[in-house]
Amino acid sequence: MKKNTRKNLRQLLTLCLCGLLLLLATGCQAQEADISLPAGEELEALESAVGYELDTLLDTLGLSEEDLTEPDLADLVPGLRDTNRYVELDTIRLRERIQINSDPAGTEYYGFSQYYLLYYPEKEGEDLVAPARALYDTLLETYGTPQSSIQDNMEPVTEEDWEKLSSGDETNLGDSWQVDEYTVLYFYVLLDGPYRRIELMYDWPELYQTRMVNQGYLAREDAPLYLEGVE
């Protein structure tokens, strides 16, 4: 009888341990979530949070402060925060990052200004050109023809540009889209320096300046992109 009792206890403990491990595993998985390239309603939601405080942005994204971590660059660029969410594509996994601007001392954070999706190589010497090109093709499918003239120093990406990038003759490449009325998307591939990466940056310069003025953080004369009649 005692042997059976001990045996039953061991089985019960084993089941409890397996259950605990399963809970821990599913809990870890719940900390990461997949998202998609923002478009349509997702873009409108991001636009609605531009220029407002962190709580507004977190509500918009459905996140909490516990879902945020500071990247290494936070010391150089205060207000950068990584989330626990990723865009999963065929050849690449892009991390979500947000930028909340602050006062010079970094003590008061008052305005969401940029939204990033980033890929950093997992190992030294990893090829970034192939996944960058695959991502670029996805951007063309999602957002249409680039409007690279938005920024004077950016030219449309050509086949020759990709060849130069592959051969090492060039180390950087970029393009841009006007993806919505106020949303500009910048695509970058950076192959040299300590922060080699593929980067998407969604930016709202007009909305940001307008809401900074409307909330009293910026003087009207210091906001050349201010939009009259826009909240």
Protein backbone atom coordinates (compact mmCIF):
# COMPACT_ATOMS: atom_id res chain seq x y z
CA MET A 1 0.00 0.00 0.00
CA LYS A 2 2.82 2.36 0.91
CA LYS A 3 4.58 1.60 -2.36
CA ASN A 4 1.45 2.44 -4.32
CA THR A 5 1.01 5.64 -2.31
CA ARG A 6 4.59 6.74 -3.04
CA LYS A 7 4.14 5.82 -6.69
CA ASN A 8 0.92 7.84 -6.90
CA LEU A 9 2.62 10.80 -5.25
CA ARG A 10 5.49 10.69 -7.74
CA GLN A 11 3.02 10.59 -10.62
CA LEU A 12 1.08 13.51 -9.13
CA LEU A 13 4.26 15.53 -8.65
CA THR A 14 5.31 14.76 -12.23
CA LEU A 15 1.96 15.93 -13.55
CA CYS A 16 2.12 19.12 -11.47
CA LEU A 17 5.65 19.82 -12.70
CA CYS A 18 4.62 19.27 -16.32
CA GLY A 19 1.64 21.58 -15.81
CA LEU A 20 3.88 24.26 -14.29
CA LEU A 21 6.34 24.01 -17.18
CA LEU A 22 3.47 24.27 -19.66
CA LEU A 23 2.16 27.39 -17.93
CA LEU A 24 5.62 28.94 -17.94
CA ALA A 25 6.09 28.12 -21.61
CA THR A 26 2.75 29.56 -22.67
CA GLY A 27 3.40 32.59 -20.47
CA CYS A 28 6.70 33.23 -22.23
CA GLN A 29 5.03 32.87 -25.60
CA ALA A 30 2.34 35.36 -24.56
CA GLN A 31 5.03 37.97 -23.96
CA GLU A 32 5.65 38.15 -27.70
CA ALA A 33 3.00 38.89 -30.27
CA ASP A 34 2.98 39.10 -34.03
CA ILE A 35 1.75 42.24 -35.78
CA SER A 36 1.67 43.33 -39.41
CA LEU A 37 2.93 46.28 -41.41
CA PRO A 38 0.62 49.16 -40.43
CA ALA A 39 -1.96 50.10 -43.04
CA GLY A 40 -5.53 51.37 -43.10
CA GLU A 41 -7.01 51.41 -39.59
CA GLU A 42 -3.63 50.67 -38.00
CA LEU A 43 -2.13 53.77 -39.61
CA GLU A 44 -5.11 55.88 -38.56
CA ALA A 45 -4.70 54.66 -34.98
CA LEU A 46 -1.02 55.58 -34.94
CA GLU A 47 -1.80 59.01 -36.39
CA SER A 48 -4.34 59.58 -33.63
CA ALA A 49 -1.62 59.10 -30.98
CA VAL A 50 1.05 61.31 -32.56
CA GLY A 51 2.14 64.13 -30.25
CA TYR A 52 0.44 62.71 -27.18
CA GLU A 53 1.85 61.15 -24.03
CA LEU A 54 2.98 57.56 -23.56
CA ASP A 55 -0.28 56.39 -21.95
CA THR A 56 -2.25 57.44 -25.03
CA LEU A 57 0.11 55.54 -27.31
CA LEU A 58 0.05 52.42 -25.13
CA ASP A 59 -3.75 52.44 -25.16
CA THR A 60 -3.66 52.76 -28.94
CA LEU A 61 -1.27 49.83 -29.30
CA GLY A 62 -2.99 47.72 -26.64
CA LEU A 63 0.19 47.55 -24.56
CA SER A 64 1.30 48.38 -21.03
CA GLU A 65 4.58 49.76 -19.67
CA GLU A 66 5.53 46.21 -18.69
CA ASP A 67 5.67 45.41 -22.41
CA LEU A 68 8.43 48.00 -23.00
CA THR A 69 12.21 47.80 -22.67
CA GLU A 70 14.95 50.34 -23.30
CA PRO A 71 17.26 49.53 -26.24
CA ASP A 72 21.01 50.15 -26.10
CA LEU A 73 20.51 53.38 -28.05
CA ALA A 74 18.32 54.86 -25.29
CA ASP A 75 21.38 56.54 -23.77
CA LEU A 76 22.04 58.33 -27.06
CA VAL A 77 18.40 58.92 -27.98
CA PRO A 78 16.21 59.33 -24.87
CA GLY A 79 12.65 58.13 -25.26
CA LEU A 80 13.29 55.07 -27.44
CA ARG A 81 11.38 52.00 -26.27
CA ASP A 82 11.18 48.50 -27.71
CA THR A 83 7.95 46.55 -27.39
CA ASN A 84 7.55 42.77 -27.20
CA ARG A 85 5.94 42.58 -30.65
CA TYR A 86 7.32 41.68 -34.07
CA VAL A 87 6.35 41.74 -37.72
CA GLU A 88 7.00 38.24 -39.08
CA LEU A 89 7.81 38.11 -42.79
CA ASP A 90 9.16 35.26 -44.90
CA THR A 91 12.82 36.12 -44.50
CA ILE A 92 12.93 38.61 -41.64
CA ARG A 93 11.56 39.40 -38.17
CA LEU A 94 11.16 43.12 -37.45
CA ARG A 95 11.05 44.43 -33.90
CA GLU A 96 8.58 47.19 -32.99
CA ARG A 97 10.07 50.36 -31.47
CA ILE A 98 8.53 53.69 -30.49
CA GLN A 99 9.95 57.17 -29.90
CA ILE A 100 8.50 59.36 -27.16
CA ASN A 101 10.19 62.77 -27.16
CA SER A 102 11.21 64.38 -23.90
CA ASP A 103 12.69 67.51 -22.40
CA PRO A 104 16.51 67.86 -22.71
CA ALA A 105 17.02 66.30 -19.27
CA GLY A 106 14.93 63.27 -20.15
CA THR A 107 12.67 63.77 -17.14
CA GLU A 108 9.37 64.58 -18.89
CA TYR A 109 8.11 62.52 -21.81
CA TYR A 110 5.37 64.30 -23.69
CA GLY A 111 5.04 63.37 -27.35
CA PHE A 112 4.96 60.22 -29.50
CA SER A 113 6.81 61.13 -32.70
CA GLN A 114 8.12 58.06 -34.58
CA TYR A 115 7.24 54.41 -34.98
CA TYR A 116 9.92 51.91 -36.05
CA LEU A 117 10.17 48.36 -37.30
CA LEU A 118 13.77 47.15 -37.16
CA TYR A 119 15.93 44.18 -37.93
CA TYR A 120 19.40 43.78 -36.41
CA PRO A 121 21.57 40.88 -37.64
CA GLU A 122 21.67 37.94 -35.26
CA LYS A 123 25.31 37.14 -36.02
CA GLU A 124 28.37 39.02 -37.25
CA GLY A 125 28.76 39.09 -41.00
CA GLU A 126 25.13 38.14 -41.63
CA ASP A 127 23.92 39.15 -45.08
CA LEU A 128 21.35 41.93 -44.90
CA VAL A 129 20.94 42.59 -48.60
CA ALA A 130 18.71 39.61 -49.43
CA PRO A 131 16.23 40.16 -46.58
CA ALA A 132 16.27 43.92 -47.24
CA ARG A 133 15.36 43.36 -50.87
CA ALA A 134 12.58 40.94 -49.91
CA LEU A 135 11.24 43.52 -47.45
CA TYR A 136 11.44 46.24 -50.10
CA ASP A 137 9.34 44.11 -52.45
CA THR A 138 6.78 43.65 -49.66
CA LEU A 139 6.68 47.43 -49.15
CA LEU A 140 6.00 47.90 -52.85
CA GLU A 141 3.09 45.46 -52.62
CA THR A 142 1.74 47.06 -49.44
CA TYR A 143 2.23 50.78 -50.10
CA GLY A 144 2.66 51.07 -53.86
CA THR A 145 5.17 53.20 -55.76
CA PRO A 146 7.69 55.09 -53.59
CA GLN A 147 7.62 58.85 -53.59
CA SER A 148 11.28 59.35 -52.90
CA SER A 149 11.26 63.03 -53.76
CA ILE A 150 9.72 63.70 -50.34
CA GLN A 151 13.25 64.01 -49.03
CA ASP A 152 15.69 65.80 -51.34
CA ASN A 153 18.67 63.53 -50.69
CA MET A 154 16.83 60.28 -51.37
CA GLU A 155 16.53 58.74 -54.83
CA PRO A 156 14.34 55.81 -55.93
CA VAL A 157 16.07 52.45 -55.45
CA THR A 158 17.28 50.90 -58.70
CA GLU A 159 18.69 47.51 -59.71
CA GLU A 160 22.12 49.15 -59.85
CA ASP A 161 21.70 50.27 -56.22
CA TRP A 162 21.08 46.70 -55.09
CA GLU A 163 24.12 45.49 -57.05
CA LYS A 164 26.32 48.14 -55.44
CA LEU A 165 25.01 47.16 -52.03
CA SER A 166 25.73 43.47 -52.67
CA SER A 167 29.25 44.16 -53.94
CA GLY A 168 30.11 46.48 -51.06
CA ASP A 169 30.53 49.54 -53.28
CA GLU A 170 27.73 51.14 -51.25
CA THR A 171 26.96 50.62 -47.57
CA ASN A 172 23.65 52.45 -47.22
CA LEU A 173 20.41 52.53 -49.17
CA GLY A 174 17.07 54.25 -48.65
CA ASP A 175 13.65 55.05 -50.06
CA SER A 176 10.41 56.63 -48.88
CA TRP A 177 6.64 56.50 -49.27
CA GLN A 178 3.79 58.88 -48.52
CA VAL A 179 1.60 56.09 -47.20
CA ASP A 180 -1.24 58.22 -45.84
CA GLU A 181 -2.25 61.88 -45.73
CA TYR A 182 0.14 62.66 -42.86
CA THR A 183 2.28 59.51 -42.69
CA VAL A 184 5.71 59.25 -44.31
CA LEU A 185 7.55 55.92 -44.31
CA TYR A 186 11.34 55.80 -44.64
CA PHE A 187 13.13 52.58 -45.56
CA TYR A 188 16.83 52.28 -44.72
CA VAL A 189 19.51 49.62 -45.07
CA LEU A 190 22.67 50.42 -43.09
CA LEU A 191 25.57 48.01 -43.62
CA ASP A 192 28.44 49.72 -41.79
CA GLY A 193 29.03 51.02 -38.29
CA PRO A 194 28.08 49.50 -34.92
CA TYR A 195 24.34 49.42 -35.62
CA ARG A 196 24.00 47.50 -38.90
CA ARG A 197 20.30 47.14 -39.53
CA ILE A 198 17.25 47.27 -41.75
CA GLU A 199 14.93 50.03 -40.60
CA LEU A 200 11.42 51.22 -41.30
CA MET A 201 10.51 54.56 -39.75
CA TYR A 202 6.97 55.95 -39.83
CA ASP A 203 7.01 59.70 -39.28
CA TRP A 204 4.39 62.45 -38.92
CA PRO A 205 6.30 65.77 -38.86
CA GLU A 206 3.27 67.96 -39.61
CA LEU A 207 0.98 66.28 -37.09
CA TYR A 208 3.69 66.26 -34.46
CA GLN A 209 4.44 69.98 -34.74
CA THR A 210 0.73 70.82 -34.84
CA ARG A 211 -0.07 68.91 -31.65
CA MET A 212 3.02 70.20 -29.86
CA VAL A 213 1.79 73.74 -30.53
CA ASN A 214 -1.80 72.92 -29.58
CA GLN A 215 -0.67 71.46 -26.24
CA GLY A 216 1.64 74.36 -25.44
CA TYR A 217 4.95 72.50 -25.79
CA LEU A 218 6.07 74.43 -28.89
CA ALA A 219 5.68 78.06 -29.96
CA ARG A 220 3.70 78.62 -33.14
CA GLU A 221 6.61 80.49 -34.77
CA ASP A 222 8.83 77.44 -34.19
CA ALA A 223 6.47 75.13 -36.08
CA PRO A 224 6.81 75.77 -39.83
CA LEU A 225 4.81 72.61 -40.63
CA TYR A 226 1.84 73.57 -38.44
CA LEU A 227 -1.52 72.48 -39.87
CA GLU A 228 -4.25 75.07 -39.46
CA GLY A 229 -7.56 73.61 -38.33
CA VAL A 230 -6.12 70.21 -37.38
CA GLU A 231 -6.34 68.94 -33.81
